[in-house]
Amino acid sequence: MLFSGTVQGVFFRATTREVAGGFEVTGYVRNLPDGRVELVAEGEAAELDRFISGVRKAMAGYIRDTEGSDSAARSEFDGFAIRA
């Protein structure tokens, strides 16, 4: 998913990692040079939906728009991390 709005410099990545701790998801979150934040996550579909809802709720005042797409999980992540 890509989040736009005032999503950098507002602890978006740290909050997303904290929210991820309450769900069975793996992946990462990182800032993009164009000012958006990228979130890549793997998990069961219902768990991912709840996780994304949790991120949106926690950061609602900062998100202007989201873009997302689904793809097959690759089981490539060990946990959930903040990437530079």
N, C-alpha and C. Protein backbone atom coordinates (compact mmCIF):
# COMPACT_ATOMS: atom_id res chain seq x y z
N MET A 1 0.84 -1.17 0.00
CA MET A 1 0.00 0.00 0.00
C MET A 1 0.88 1.23 0.00
N LEU A 2 0.36 2.27 -0.60
CA LEU A 2 1.03 3.56 -0.58
C LEU A 2 0.11 4.56 0.10
N PHE A 3 0.63 5.25 1.09
CA PHE A 3 -0.13 6.27 1.82
C PHE A 3 0.42 7.63 1.45
N SER A 4 -0.46 8.58 1.18
CA SER A 4 -0.03 9.95 0.92
C SER A 4 -0.78 10.89 1.85
N GLY A 5 -0.29 12.08 1.94
CA GLY A 5 -0.80 13.08 2.85
C GLY A 5 0.37 13.62 3.66
N THR A 6 0.13 13.90 4.92
CA THR A 6 1.21 14.29 5.83
C THR A 6 1.64 13.02 6.56
N VAL A 7 2.39 12.18 5.86
CA VAL A 7 2.70 10.86 6.39
C VAL A 7 4.18 10.66 6.73
N GLN A 8 4.99 11.68 6.49
CA GLN A 8 6.39 11.61 6.90
C GLN A 8 6.62 12.66 7.98
N GLY A 9 7.44 12.28 8.97
CA GLY A 9 7.74 13.19 10.06
C GLY A 9 6.67 13.24 11.13
N VAL A 10 5.76 12.25 11.13
CA VAL A 10 4.67 12.22 12.11
C VAL A 10 4.61 10.84 12.82
N PHE A 11 5.73 10.12 12.81
CA PHE A 11 5.84 8.80 13.44
C PHE A 11 4.94 7.76 12.77
N PHE A 12 4.69 7.93 11.48
CA PHE A 12 3.85 6.98 10.74
C PHE A 12 4.47 5.59 10.74
N ARG A 13 5.77 5.51 10.45
CA ARG A 13 6.44 4.20 10.40
C ARG A 13 6.45 3.54 11.77
N ALA A 14 6.79 4.29 12.80
CA ALA A 14 6.83 3.72 14.15
C ALA A 14 5.45 3.28 14.60
N THR A 15 4.45 4.07 14.29
CA THR A 15 3.08 3.71 14.66
C THR A 15 2.65 2.45 13.91
N THR A 16 2.99 2.37 12.64
CA THR A 16 2.63 1.19 11.84
C THR A 16 3.30 -0.06 12.41
N ARG A 17 4.57 0.04 12.79
CA ARG A 17 5.25 -1.11 13.39
C ARG A 17 4.59 -1.49 14.71
N GLU A 18 4.20 -0.51 15.49
CA GLU A 18 3.51 -0.79 16.76
C GLU A 18 2.17 -1.48 16.51
N VAL A 19 1.40 -0.99 15.55
CA VAL A 19 0.12 -1.61 15.21
C VAL A 19 0.36 -3.05 14.73
N ALA A 20 1.38 -3.26 13.93
CA ALA A 20 1.68 -4.60 13.40
C ALA A 20 1.92 -5.61 14.52
N GLY A 21 2.44 -5.14 15.65
CA GLY A 21 2.69 -6.03 16.78
C GLY A 21 1.44 -6.70 17.31
N GLY A 22 0.27 -6.16 17.04
CA GLY A 22 -0.98 -6.74 17.50
C GLY A 22 -1.62 -7.69 16.50
N PHE A 23 -0.92 -7.95 15.40
CA PHE A 23 -1.47 -8.79 14.34
C PHE A 23 -0.44 -9.81 13.88
N GLU A 24 -0.92 -10.87 13.28
CA GLU A 24 -0.03 -11.88 12.71
C GLU A 24 0.27 -11.50 11.27
N VAL A 25 1.13 -10.50 11.12
CA VAL A 25 1.55 -10.01 9.81
C VAL A 25 3.07 -9.86 9.81
N THR A 26 3.64 -9.92 8.63
CA THR A 26 5.06 -9.66 8.45
C THR A 26 5.20 -8.66 7.32
N GLY A 27 6.36 -8.03 7.22
CA GLY A 27 6.60 -7.09 6.14
C GLY A 27 7.42 -5.91 6.59
N TYR A 28 7.18 -4.77 5.95
CA TYR A 28 7.94 -3.56 6.30
C TYR A 28 7.16 -2.31 5.92
N VAL A 29 7.62 -1.20 6.47
CA VAL A 29 7.11 0.12 6.14
C VAL A 29 8.33 1.02 5.91
N ARG A 30 8.23 1.90 4.91
CA ARG A 30 9.35 2.80 4.63
C ARG A 30 8.86 4.09 3.99
N ASN A 31 9.64 5.15 4.18
CA ASN A 31 9.38 6.43 3.53
C ASN A 31 9.88 6.36 2.09
N LEU A 32 9.16 6.99 1.19
CA LEU A 32 9.59 7.11 -0.19
C LEU A 32 10.06 8.53 -0.46
N PRO A 33 10.97 8.70 -1.42
CA PRO A 33 11.49 10.03 -1.72
C PRO A 33 10.42 11.04 -2.14
N ASP A 34 9.29 10.57 -2.66
CA ASP A 34 8.25 11.49 -3.13
C ASP A 34 7.29 11.94 -2.02
N GLY A 35 7.58 11.56 -0.76
CA GLY A 35 6.77 12.01 0.37
C GLY A 35 5.71 11.02 0.82
N ARG A 36 5.54 9.93 0.08
CA ARG A 36 4.59 8.91 0.49
C ARG A 36 5.25 7.88 1.39
N VAL A 37 4.44 7.03 1.98
CA VAL A 37 4.94 5.91 2.79
C VAL A 37 4.45 4.62 2.13
N GLU A 38 5.38 3.67 1.99
CA GLU A 38 5.05 2.37 1.41
C GLU A 38 4.93 1.34 2.53
N LEU A 39 3.87 0.55 2.48
CA LEU A 39 3.64 -0.53 3.43
C LEU A 39 3.49 -1.82 2.65
N VAL A 40 4.35 -2.79 2.95
CA VAL A 40 4.29 -4.11 2.34
C VAL A 40 4.05 -5.09 3.48
N ALA A 41 2.98 -5.87 3.37
CA ALA A 41 2.65 -6.80 4.46
C ALA A 41 2.14 -8.12 3.90
N GLU A 42 2.44 -9.18 4.64
CA GLU A 42 1.96 -10.52 4.32
C GLU A 42 1.22 -11.08 5.52
N GLY A 43 0.23 -11.89 5.24
CA GLY A 43 -0.55 -12.55 6.28
C GLY A 43 -1.85 -13.04 5.69
N GLU A 44 -2.67 -13.64 6.53
CA GLU A 44 -3.98 -14.08 6.09
C GLU A 44 -4.81 -12.85 5.70
N ALA A 45 -5.67 -13.00 4.71
CA ALA A 45 -6.42 -11.87 4.16
C ALA A 45 -7.20 -11.11 5.23
N ALA A 46 -7.92 -11.82 6.09
CA ALA A 46 -8.71 -11.14 7.12
C ALA A 46 -7.80 -10.42 8.12
N GLU A 47 -6.67 -11.01 8.45
CA GLU A 47 -5.73 -10.39 9.38
C GLU A 47 -5.12 -9.13 8.75
N LEU A 48 -4.80 -9.20 7.46
CA LEU A 48 -4.27 -8.02 6.76
C LEU A 48 -5.30 -6.89 6.74
N ASP A 49 -6.55 -7.24 6.50
CA ASP A 49 -7.61 -6.23 6.49
C ASP A 49 -7.71 -5.54 7.84
N ARG A 50 -7.66 -6.31 8.92
CA ARG A 50 -7.73 -5.72 10.27
C ARG A 50 -6.50 -4.86 10.55
N PHE A 51 -5.34 -5.33 10.13
CA PHE A 51 -4.10 -4.58 10.32
C PHE A 51 -4.17 -3.23 9.59
N ILE A 52 -4.54 -3.26 8.31
CA ILE A 52 -4.64 -2.02 7.53
C ILE A 52 -5.67 -1.08 8.15
N SER A 53 -6.77 -1.61 8.61
CA SER A 53 -7.78 -0.78 9.29
C SER A 53 -7.19 -0.15 10.54
N GLY A 54 -6.38 -0.91 11.26
CA GLY A 54 -5.74 -0.38 12.46
C GLY A 54 -4.78 0.75 12.14
N VAL A 55 -4.01 0.61 11.07
CA VAL A 55 -3.09 1.68 10.65
C VAL A 55 -3.89 2.91 10.23
N ARG A 56 -4.92 2.70 9.44
CA ARG A 56 -5.75 3.84 9.00
C ARG A 56 -6.38 4.56 10.19
N LYS A 57 -6.86 3.81 11.15
CA LYS A 57 -7.48 4.42 12.33
C LYS A 57 -6.45 5.20 13.14
N ALA A 58 -5.27 4.60 13.36
CA ALA A 58 -4.23 5.25 14.17
C ALA A 58 -3.69 6.52 13.52
N MET A 59 -3.66 6.54 12.18
CA MET A 59 -3.05 7.66 11.46
C MET A 59 -4.05 8.45 10.63
N ALA A 60 -5.32 8.34 10.95
CA ALA A 60 -6.40 8.93 10.14
C ALA A 60 -6.20 10.42 9.87
N GLY A 61 -5.72 11.16 10.83
CA GLY A 61 -5.57 12.60 10.65
C GLY A 61 -4.46 12.99 9.70
N TYR A 62 -3.63 12.04 9.30
CA TYR A 62 -2.48 12.33 8.44
C TYR A 62 -2.63 11.79 7.02
N ILE A 63 -3.49 10.79 6.83
CA ILE A 63 -3.63 10.13 5.53
C ILE A 63 -4.63 10.90 4.67
N ARG A 64 -4.20 11.26 3.48
CA ARG A 64 -5.09 11.89 2.51
C ARG A 64 -5.60 10.87 1.49
N ASP A 65 -4.74 9.94 1.09
CA ASP A 65 -5.11 8.97 0.07
C ASP A 65 -4.31 7.69 0.26
N THR A 66 -4.88 6.58 -0.21
CA THR A 66 -4.18 5.30 -0.20
C THR A 66 -4.34 4.63 -1.55
N GLU A 67 -3.31 3.92 -1.94
CA GLU A 67 -3.34 3.08 -3.14
C GLU A 67 -2.86 1.71 -2.69
N GLY A 68 -3.47 0.68 -3.21
CA GLY A 68 -3.04 -0.65 -2.82
C GLY A 68 -3.27 -1.68 -3.89
N SER A 69 -2.55 -2.75 -3.78
CA SER A 69 -2.74 -3.87 -4.69
C SER A 69 -2.40 -5.15 -3.94
N ASP A 70 -3.02 -6.22 -4.37
CA ASP A 70 -2.76 -7.53 -3.79
C ASP A 70 -1.85 -8.32 -4.70
N SER A 71 -1.02 -9.14 -4.10
CA SER A 71 -0.21 -10.07 -4.86
C SER A 71 0.02 -11.30 -4.00
N ALA A 72 0.49 -12.34 -4.60
CA ALA A 72 0.71 -13.59 -3.87
C ALA A 72 1.82 -13.41 -2.84
N ALA A 73 1.59 -13.95 -1.66
CA ALA A 73 2.61 -13.88 -0.60
C ALA A 73 3.81 -14.73 -1.00
N ARG A 74 4.96 -14.27 -0.62
CA ARG A 74 6.20 -14.99 -0.93
C ARG A 74 6.86 -15.55 0.32
N SER A 75 6.28 -15.26 1.48
CA SER A 75 6.85 -15.70 2.76
C SER A 75 8.32 -15.31 2.89
N GLU A 76 8.61 -14.06 2.52
CA GLU A 76 10.00 -13.62 2.53
C GLU A 76 10.39 -12.81 3.77
N PHE A 77 9.45 -12.54 4.66
CA PHE A 77 9.73 -11.70 5.82
C PHE A 77 9.69 -12.52 7.10
N ASP A 78 10.59 -12.19 8.04
CA ASP A 78 10.64 -12.87 9.33
C ASP A 78 9.79 -12.17 10.38
N GLY A 79 9.59 -10.89 10.22
CA GLY A 79 8.84 -10.09 11.17
C GLY A 79 8.35 -8.84 10.48
N PHE A 80 8.11 -7.80 11.26
CA PHE A 80 7.69 -6.53 10.67
C PHE A 80 8.73 -5.47 11.04
N ALA A 81 9.22 -4.74 10.05
CA ALA A 81 10.33 -3.81 10.29
C ALA A 81 10.10 -2.46 9.63
N ILE A 82 10.86 -1.49 10.12
CA ILE A 82 10.96 -0.18 9.47
C ILE A 82 12.19 -0.24 8.59
N ARG A 83 12.04 0.11 7.34
CA ARG A 83 13.18 0.18 6.43
C ARG A 83 13.47 1.63 6.10
N ALA A 84 14.74 1.89 5.86
CA ALA A 84 15.18 3.24 5.51
C ALA A 84 14.91 3.53 4.06
